């Protein structure tokens, strides 16, 4: 399923292609690309849920987050997100790429993935997809894009 999400993001969303594609046409194209119908359905449902998160009445906790609160991960979240991923989310908050509501959106989407654990690279893609879908977060999206696609050159010290 995650491969389909990245495929869709790279081919439709990120390239600013026609985003409002008929689901039936999209399913046919994804089937032709070699993806299984069950995974296609899950990926499209995941994207629909991401779109629904923009509506505050869907997840009221997204609008009632105290900015000074410390995020404690649930046991399920800890199983899915290793310490490295949790640290990366904290780092993104510290550099203002994520705020508390967008962090919660990222966690919501991560927990809905059909994977038992999420790698740091997969987490970065989820963050990018979430930021792309949140109005007013264009600078954060650009910053996240730089973190994903810009490879450091030379010594890091």
C-alpha atoms as a PDB file:
ATOM      1  CA  UNK A   1       0.000   0.000   0.000  1.00  0.00           C
ATOM      2  CA  UNK A   2       2.771   2.453   0.887  1.00  0.00           C
ATOM      3  CA  UNK A   3       4.352   2.028  -2.552  1.00  0.00           C
ATOM      4  CA  UNK A   4       1.042   3.087  -4.096  1.00  0.00           C
ATOM      5  CA  UNK A   5       0.908   6.200  -1.919  1.00  0.00           C
ATOM      6  CA  UNK A   6       4.391   7.226  -3.000  1.00  0.00           C
ATOM      7  CA  UNK A   7       3.555   6.434  -6.646  1.00  0.00           C
ATOM      8  CA  UNK A   8       0.440   8.615  -6.475  1.00  0.00           C
ATOM      9  CA  UNK A   9       2.241  11.395  -4.659  1.00  0.00           C
ATOM     10  CA  UNK A  10       5.113  11.495  -7.148  1.00  0.00           C
ATOM     11  CA  UNK A  11       2.976  11.111 -10.286  1.00  0.00           C
ATOM     12  CA  UNK A  12      -0.126  13.129  -9.453  1.00  0.00           C
ATOM     13  CA  UNK A  13       0.177  15.311  -6.417  1.00  0.00           C
ATOM     14  CA  UNK A  14       3.810  16.404  -6.334  1.00  0.00           C
ATOM     15  CA  UNK A  15       3.945  17.003 -10.091  1.00  0.00           C
ATOM     16  CA  UNK A  16       0.758  19.082  -9.884  1.00  0.00           C
ATOM     17  CA  UNK A  17      -1.044  16.813 -12.323  1.00  0.00           C
ATOM     18  CA  UNK A  18      -4.810  16.655 -12.309  1.00  0.00           C
ATOM     19  CA  UNK A  19      -5.488  15.744  -8.677  1.00  0.00           C
ATOM     20  CA  UNK A  20      -9.214  15.149  -9.090  1.00  0.00           C
ATOM     21  CA  UNK A  21      -9.004  11.930 -11.049  1.00  0.00           C
ATOM     22  CA  UNK A  22     -11.925   9.538 -11.248  1.00  0.00           C
ATOM     23  CA  UNK A  23     -11.332   6.708  -8.734  1.00  0.00           C
ATOM     24  CA  UNK A  24     -12.249   4.075 -11.351  1.00  0.00           C
ATOM     25  CA  UNK A  25      -9.725   5.482 -13.838  1.00  0.00           C
ATOM     26  CA  UNK A  26      -7.104   5.689 -11.139  1.00  0.00           C
ATOM     27  CA  UNK A  27      -7.759   2.104 -10.057  1.00  0.00           C
ATOM     28  CA  UNK A  28      -7.369   0.924 -13.667  1.00  0.00           C
ATOM     29  CA  UNK A  29      -4.098   2.814 -14.062  1.00  0.00           C
ATOM     30  CA  UNK A  30      -2.732   1.459 -10.788  1.00  0.00           C
ATOM     31  CA  UNK A  31      -3.751  -2.078 -11.768  1.00  0.00           C
ATOM     32  CA  UNK A  32      -1.939  -1.659 -15.088  1.00  0.00           C
ATOM     33  CA  UNK A  33       1.110  -0.450 -13.132  1.00  0.00           C
ATOM     34  CA  UNK A  34       1.094  -3.808 -11.326  1.00  0.00           C
ATOM     35  CA  UNK A  35      -0.511  -2.931  -8.000  1.00  0.00           C
ATOM     36  CA  UNK A  36      -3.026  -5.306  -6.382  1.00  0.00           C
ATOM     37  CA  UNK A  37      -6.667  -4.236  -6.078  1.00  0.00           C
ATOM     38  CA  UNK A  38      -6.747  -4.680  -2.289  1.00  0.00           C
ATOM     39  CA  UNK A  39      -3.698  -2.428  -1.857  1.00  0.00           C
ATOM     40  CA  UNK A  40      -5.161   0.130  -4.265  1.00  0.00           C
ATOM     41  CA  UNK A  41      -8.378   0.276  -2.247  1.00  0.00           C
ATOM     42  CA  UNK A  42      -6.430   0.708   1.019  1.00  0.00           C
ATOM     43  CA  UNK A  43      -4.257   3.472  -0.457  1.00  0.00           C
ATOM     44  CA  UNK A  44      -7.242   5.396  -1.821  1.00  0.00           C
ATOM     45  CA  UNK A  45      -9.039   5.038   1.522  1.00  0.00           C
ATOM     46  CA  UNK A  46      -5.876   6.302   3.285  1.00  0.00           C
ATOM     47  CA  UNK A  47      -5.790   9.367   1.021  1.00  0.00           C
ATOM     48  CA  UNK A  48      -9.500  10.017   1.548  1.00  0.00           C
ATOM     49  CA  UNK A  49      -8.922   9.900   5.307  1.00  0.00           C
ATOM     50  CA  UNK A  50      -6.030  12.335   4.939  1.00  0.00           C
ATOM     51  CA  UNK A  51      -8.311  14.766   3.111  1.00  0.00           C
ATOM     52  CA  UNK A  52     -10.961  14.361   5.799  1.00  0.00           C
ATOM     53  CA  UNK A  53      -8.463  15.330   8.512  1.00  0.00           C
ATOM     54  CA  UNK A  54      -8.536  18.903   7.244  1.00  0.00           C
ATOM     55  CA  UNK A  55     -12.033  19.194   8.623  1.00  0.00           C
ATOM     56  CA  UNK A  56     -11.646  19.924  12.330  1.00  0.00           C
ATOM     57  CA  UNK A  57     -14.932  18.243  13.238  1.00  0.00           C
ATOM     58  CA  UNK A  58     -13.534  14.897  12.040  1.00  0.00           C
ATOM     59  CA  UNK A  59     -10.732  14.903  14.617  1.00  0.00           C
ATOM     60  CA  UNK A  60     -11.539  17.544  17.253  1.00  0.00           C
ATOM     61  CA  UNK A  61      -8.266  16.860  19.114  1.00  0.00           C
ATOM     62  CA  UNK A  62      -6.457  18.538  16.215  1.00  0.00           C
ATOM     63  CA  UNK A  63      -7.741  21.958  17.239  1.00  0.00           C
ATOM     64  CA  UNK A  64      -7.490  21.555  21.024  1.00  0.00           C
ATOM     65  CA  UNK A  65      -3.762  20.899  21.433  1.00  0.00           C
ATOM     66  CA  UNK A  66      -1.870  22.937  23.998  1.00  0.00           C
ATOM     67  CA  UNK A  67       1.324  24.220  22.384  1.00  0.00           C
ATOM     68  CA  UNK A  68       3.332  23.658  25.578  1.00  0.00           C
ATOM     69  CA  UNK A  69       2.174  20.078  26.011  1.00  0.00           C
ATOM     70  CA  UNK A  70       4.616  17.196  25.769  1.00  0.00           C
ATOM     71  CA  UNK A  71       3.568  14.360  23.449  1.00  0.00           C
ATOM     72  CA  UNK A  72       3.611  10.948  25.107  1.00  0.00           C
ATOM     73  CA  UNK A  73       3.353   8.103  22.617  1.00  0.00           C
ATOM     74  CA  UNK A  74       0.936   5.242  23.217  1.00  0.00           C
ATOM     75  CA  UNK A  75       2.215   1.673  23.342  1.00  0.00           C
ATOM     76  CA  UNK A  76       0.858   1.071  19.819  1.00  0.00           C
ATOM     77  CA  UNK A  77       2.558   4.223  18.518  1.00  0.00           C
ATOM     78  CA  UNK A  78       5.836   3.192  20.155  1.00  0.00           C
ATOM     79  CA  UNK A  79       5.631  -0.211  18.459  1.00  0.00           C
ATOM     80  CA  UNK A  80       5.066   1.358  15.069  1.00  0.00           C
ATOM     81  CA  UNK A  81       7.473   4.296  15.458  1.00  0.00           C
ATOM     82  CA  UNK A  82      10.931   3.502  16.748  1.00  0.00           C
ATOM     83  CA  UNK A  83      12.799   6.021  18.885  1.00  0.00           C
ATOM     84  CA  UNK A  84      14.557   7.427  15.809  1.00  0.00           C
ATOM     85  CA  UNK A  85      11.187   8.289  14.240  1.00  0.00           C
ATOM     86  CA  UNK A  86       9.866   9.811  17.459  1.00  0.00           C
ATOM     87  CA  UNK A  87      13.024  11.919  17.699  1.00  0.00           C
ATOM     88  CA  UNK A  88      12.618  13.037  14.108  1.00  0.00           C
ATOM     89  CA  UNK A  89       9.060  14.198  14.796  1.00  0.00           C
ATOM     90  CA  UNK A  90      10.316  16.187  17.787  1.00  0.00           C
ATOM     91  CA  UNK A  91      13.067  17.673  15.619  1.00  0.00           C
ATOM     92  CA  UNK A  92      10.473  18.727  13.020  1.00  0.00           C
ATOM     93  CA  UNK A  93       8.462  20.453  15.740  1.00  0.00           C
ATOM     94  CA  UNK A  94      11.551  22.223  17.050  1.00  0.00           C
ATOM     95  CA  UNK A  95      12.381  23.637  13.610  1.00  0.00           C
ATOM     96  CA  UNK A  96       8.702  24.578  13.056  1.00  0.00           C
ATOM     97  CA  UNK A  97       8.068  22.203  10.173  1.00  0.00           C
ATOM     98  CA  UNK A  98       5.345  20.579  12.263  1.00  0.00           C
ATOM     99  CA  UNK A  99       3.066  22.117  14.825  1.00  0.00           C
ATOM    100  CA  UNK A 100       1.032  20.048  17.282  1.00  0.00           C
ATOM    101  CA  UNK A 101      -2.024  19.620  15.012  1.00  0.00           C
ATOM    102  CA  UNK A 102       0.033  18.584  11.974  1.00  0.00           C
ATOM    103  CA  UNK A 103       2.072  16.213  14.152  1.00  0.00           C
ATOM    104  CA  UNK A 104      -1.178  14.577  15.234  1.00  0.00           C
ATOM    105  CA  UNK A 105      -2.261  14.329  11.603  1.00  0.00           C
ATOM    106  CA  UNK A 106       1.042  12.624  10.781  1.00  0.00           C
ATOM    107  CA  UNK A 107       0.582  10.193  13.669  1.00  0.00           C
ATOM    108  CA  UNK A 108      -2.997   9.479  12.604  1.00  0.00           C
ATOM    109  CA  UNK A 109      -1.856   8.662   9.066  1.00  0.00           C
ATOM    110  CA  UNK A 110       1.137   6.600  10.274  1.00  0.00           C
ATOM    111  CA  UNK A 111      -1.081   4.513  12.525  1.00  0.00           C
ATOM    112  CA  UNK A 112      -3.435   3.844   9.599  1.00  0.00           C
ATOM    113  CA  UNK A 113      -0.659   2.351   7.459  1.00  0.00           C
ATOM    114  CA  UNK A 114      -0.861  -1.415   7.086  1.00  0.00           C
ATOM    115  CA  UNK A 115       2.710  -1.900   8.284  1.00  0.00           C
ATOM    116  CA  UNK A 116       3.775  -3.189  11.696  1.00  0.00           C
ATOM    117  CA  UNK A 117       6.562  -0.591  11.856  1.00  0.00           C
ATOM    118  CA  UNK A 118       7.449   2.523   9.911  1.00  0.00           C
ATOM    119  CA  UNK A 119      10.982   3.380   8.840  1.00  0.00           C
ATOM    120  CA  UNK A 120      12.376   6.891   9.070  1.00  0.00           C
ATOM    121  CA  UNK A 121      12.249   7.209   5.264  1.00  0.00           C
ATOM    122  CA  UNK A 122       8.587   6.155   5.223  1.00  0.00           C
ATOM    123  CA  UNK A 123       7.823   8.619   8.018  1.00  0.00           C
ATOM    124  CA  UNK A 124       9.402  11.440   6.001  1.00  0.00           C
ATOM    125  CA  UNK A 125       7.093  10.631   3.078  1.00  0.00           C
ATOM    126  CA  UNK A 126       4.039  10.619   5.345  1.00  0.00           C
ATOM    127  CA  UNK A 127       5.051  14.012   6.755  1.00  0.00           C
ATOM    128  CA  UNK A 128       5.466  15.356   3.232  1.00  0.00           C
ATOM    129  CA  UNK A 129       2.040  14.060   2.174  1.00  0.00           C
ATOM    130  CA  UNK A 130       0.371  15.530   5.255  1.00  0.00           C
ATOM    131  CA  UNK A 131       2.032  18.929   4.845  1.00  0.00           C
ATOM    132  CA  UNK A 132       1.014  19.030   1.193  1.00  0.00           C
ATOM    133  CA  UNK A 133      -2.615  18.643   2.268  1.00  0.00           C
ATOM    134  CA  UNK A 134      -2.609  21.305   5.007  1.00  0.00           C
ATOM    135  CA  UNK A 135      -3.460  24.814   3.789  1.00  0.00           C
ATOM    136  CA  UNK A 136      -1.065  27.513   4.956  1.00  0.00           C
ATOM    137  CA  UNK A 137       1.858  25.112   5.502  1.00  0.00           C
ATOM    138  CA  UNK A 138       3.597  25.754   2.159  1.00  0.00           C
ATOM    139  CA  UNK A 139       6.861  26.900   3.788  1.00  0.00           C
ATOM    140  CA  UNK A 140       6.893  23.853   6.054  1.00  0.00           C
ATOM    141  CA  UNK A 141       6.270  21.659   3.003  1.00  0.00           C
ATOM    142  CA  UNK A 142       9.205  23.247   1.151  1.00  0.00           C
ATOM    143  CA  UNK A 143      11.432  22.807   4.196  1.00  0.00           C
ATOM    144  CA  UNK A 144      10.421  19.133   4.484  1.00  0.00           C
ATOM    145  CA  UNK A 145      11.010  18.641   0.778  1.00  0.00           C
ATOM    146  CA  UNK A 146      14.548  19.957   1.261  1.00  0.00           C
ATOM    147  CA  UNK A 147      15.094  17.537   4.140  1.00  0.00           C
ATOM    148  CA  UNK A 148      14.037  14.606   1.951  1.00  0.00           C
ATOM    149  CA  UNK A 149      15.564  15.432  -1.409  1.00  0.00           C
ATOM    150  CA  UNK A 150      18.668  17.519  -0.661  1.00  0.00           C
ATOM    151  CA  UNK A 151      21.628  15.260  -0.034  1.00  0.00           C
ATOM    152  CA  UNK A 152      24.349  16.849   2.087  1.00  0.00           C
ATOM    153  CA  UNK A 153      27.694  17.233   0.351  1.00  0.00           C
ATOM    154  CA  UNK A 154      31.068  17.330   2.010  1.00  0.00           C
ATOM    155  CA  UNK A 155      31.823  16.831   5.677  1.00  0.00           C
ATOM    156  CA  UNK A 156      28.957  17.291   8.120  1.00  0.00           C
ATOM    157  CA  UNK A 157      31.072  18.823  10.875  1.00  0.00           C
END
